[in-house]
Protein backbone atom coordinates (compact mmCIF):
# COMPACT_ATOMS: atom_id res chain seq x y z
CA MET A 1 -27.57 -11.89 -12.70
CA THR A 2 -25.49 -11.35 -9.65
CA SER A 3 -21.68 -8.40 -9.29
CA GLU A 4 -19.85 -10.47 -7.13
CA LYS A 5 -16.50 -11.45 -8.03
CA PRO A 6 -15.41 -14.82 -9.05
CA PRO A 7 -13.15 -15.78 -6.40
CA GLY A 8 -9.57 -16.08 -7.90
CA GLY A 9 -10.31 -13.25 -9.93
CA PRO A 10 -8.50 -9.82 -10.67
CA ASP A 11 -9.36 -8.22 -7.44
CA GLU A 12 -8.30 -10.65 -5.52
CA ALA A 13 -4.49 -11.18 -7.39
CA HIS A 14 -4.23 -7.66 -6.57
CA ALA A 15 -5.71 -7.82 -3.00
CA SER A 16 -2.86 -10.79 -2.64
CA ARG A 17 -0.13 -8.87 -4.06
CA VAL A 18 -0.97 -6.01 -2.16
CA ARG A 19 -0.92 -8.08 1.06
CA GLU A 20 2.26 -9.43 0.11
CA ALA A 21 3.97 -6.31 -0.56
CA PHE A 22 3.35 -4.55 2.62
CA ASP A 23 4.40 -8.06 4.52
CA SER A 24 7.40 -7.68 2.85
CA PHE A 25 7.70 -4.48 4.21
CA LEU A 26 6.70 -5.09 7.51
CA ASP A 27 9.16 -7.77 7.54
CA ALA A 28 12.11 -5.54 6.18
CA HIS A 29 10.89 -2.25 8.76
CA GLY A 30 8.55 -3.19 11.39
CA GLU A 31 10.67 -3.58 14.34
CA ARG A 32 11.84 0.42 13.16
CA LEU A 33 7.60 1.42 13.60
CA ASP A 34 6.04 2.87 16.55
CA GLU A 35 2.28 3.00 16.57
CA LYS A 36 1.89 5.92 14.36
CA GLY A 37 3.81 4.51 12.09
CA GLN A 38 2.13 0.75 11.91
CA GLY A 39 -1.36 2.81 11.74
CA LEU A 40 -0.06 4.99 8.33
CA LEU A 41 0.90 1.39 6.89
CA GLN A 42 -2.69 -0.36 8.12
CA ARG A 43 -4.12 2.54 6.69
CA MET A 44 -2.02 2.65 3.21
CA ARG A 45 -2.72 -0.92 2.40
CA GLY A 46 -6.09 -0.76 2.27
CA ALA A 47 -6.58 2.04 0.78
CA ALA A 48 -4.10 0.09 -2.45
CA SER A 49 -5.87 -3.40 -1.88
CA ASP A 50 -9.08 -0.59 -2.62
CA LYS A 51 -7.09 0.60 -5.59
CA ASP A 52 -8.04 4.31 -4.06
CA PRO A 53 -5.64 6.49 -5.11
CA GLU A 54 -7.07 9.39 -3.19
CA ARG A 55 -6.76 7.98 0.13
CA LEU A 56 -3.44 6.50 -1.09
CA ARG A 57 -2.15 9.69 -1.90
CA GLU A 58 -3.05 11.28 1.48
CA HIS A 59 -1.05 9.01 3.25
CA LEU A 60 1.90 8.89 1.84
CA THR A 61 1.85 12.33 2.17
CA GLU A 62 1.66 11.40 5.91
CA ALA A 63 4.27 9.84 5.56
CA LYS A 64 6.37 12.50 3.34
CA GLU A 65 5.56 15.21 5.93
CA ARG A 66 5.71 13.11 9.33
CA HIS A 67 8.06 10.01 8.35
CA GLY A 68 10.43 10.89 6.14
CA TRP A 69 12.64 7.62 6.73
CA LEU A 70 8.95 5.41 6.17
CA TYR A 71 8.03 8.07 2.91
CA ARG A 72 11.93 6.86 1.68
CA GLU A 73 11.95 3.37 2.39
CA LEU A 74 7.88 2.87 0.90
CA ALA A 75 9.56 4.58 -2.55
CA GLU A 76 12.45 2.21 -2.34
CA HIS A 77 10.69 -1.13 -1.56
CA PRO A 78 10.50 -3.39 -5.06
CA GLN A 79 7.17 -4.34 -4.19
CA LEU A 80 5.69 -1.22 -2.99
CA ALA A 81 7.37 0.53 -5.85
CA THR A 82 5.40 -1.27 -8.33
CA LEU A 83 2.42 -1.11 -6.83
CA LEU A 84 2.91 2.81 -6.65
CA ASP A 85 3.49 2.20 -10.34
CA GLU A 86 0.52 1.24 -11.40
CA LEU A 87 -1.48 3.71 -8.83
CA ALA A 88 -0.14 5.91 -11.43
CA LEU A 89 -1.61 4.43 -14.14
CA TRP A 90 -4.33 4.97 -12.48
CA GLY A 91 -4.86 8.65 -12.17
CA PHE A 92 -2.58 8.77 -8.83
C-alpha cells in the first residue's frame, strides 16, 4: 500500500484554492508590497497550502506587527478570510 494521494484529491483542491486566493490578493494589492511584504506573503501562502496553522499564525502576527495595512487587507479579502476561517476549524 502507498501513502500517495490520488491526483485531484482534497489536498490538491485545497492547494488550488490557496493559490487562487493569494493570486487574487496579489492582483489587488501586489503593487503595494515591498520585497519583505512579498516574502511574507509567500511564506503565508506556503503555510496555508501546507495546512500549517502554527506557521501561518506566526506569519500573520508578523504582518500585524510590521505591516499593519497588509494584515487589514488580508483579513478583508473574501477568499483569504474564508481560508482563515477554515484554519480556525483546524485549531488555529
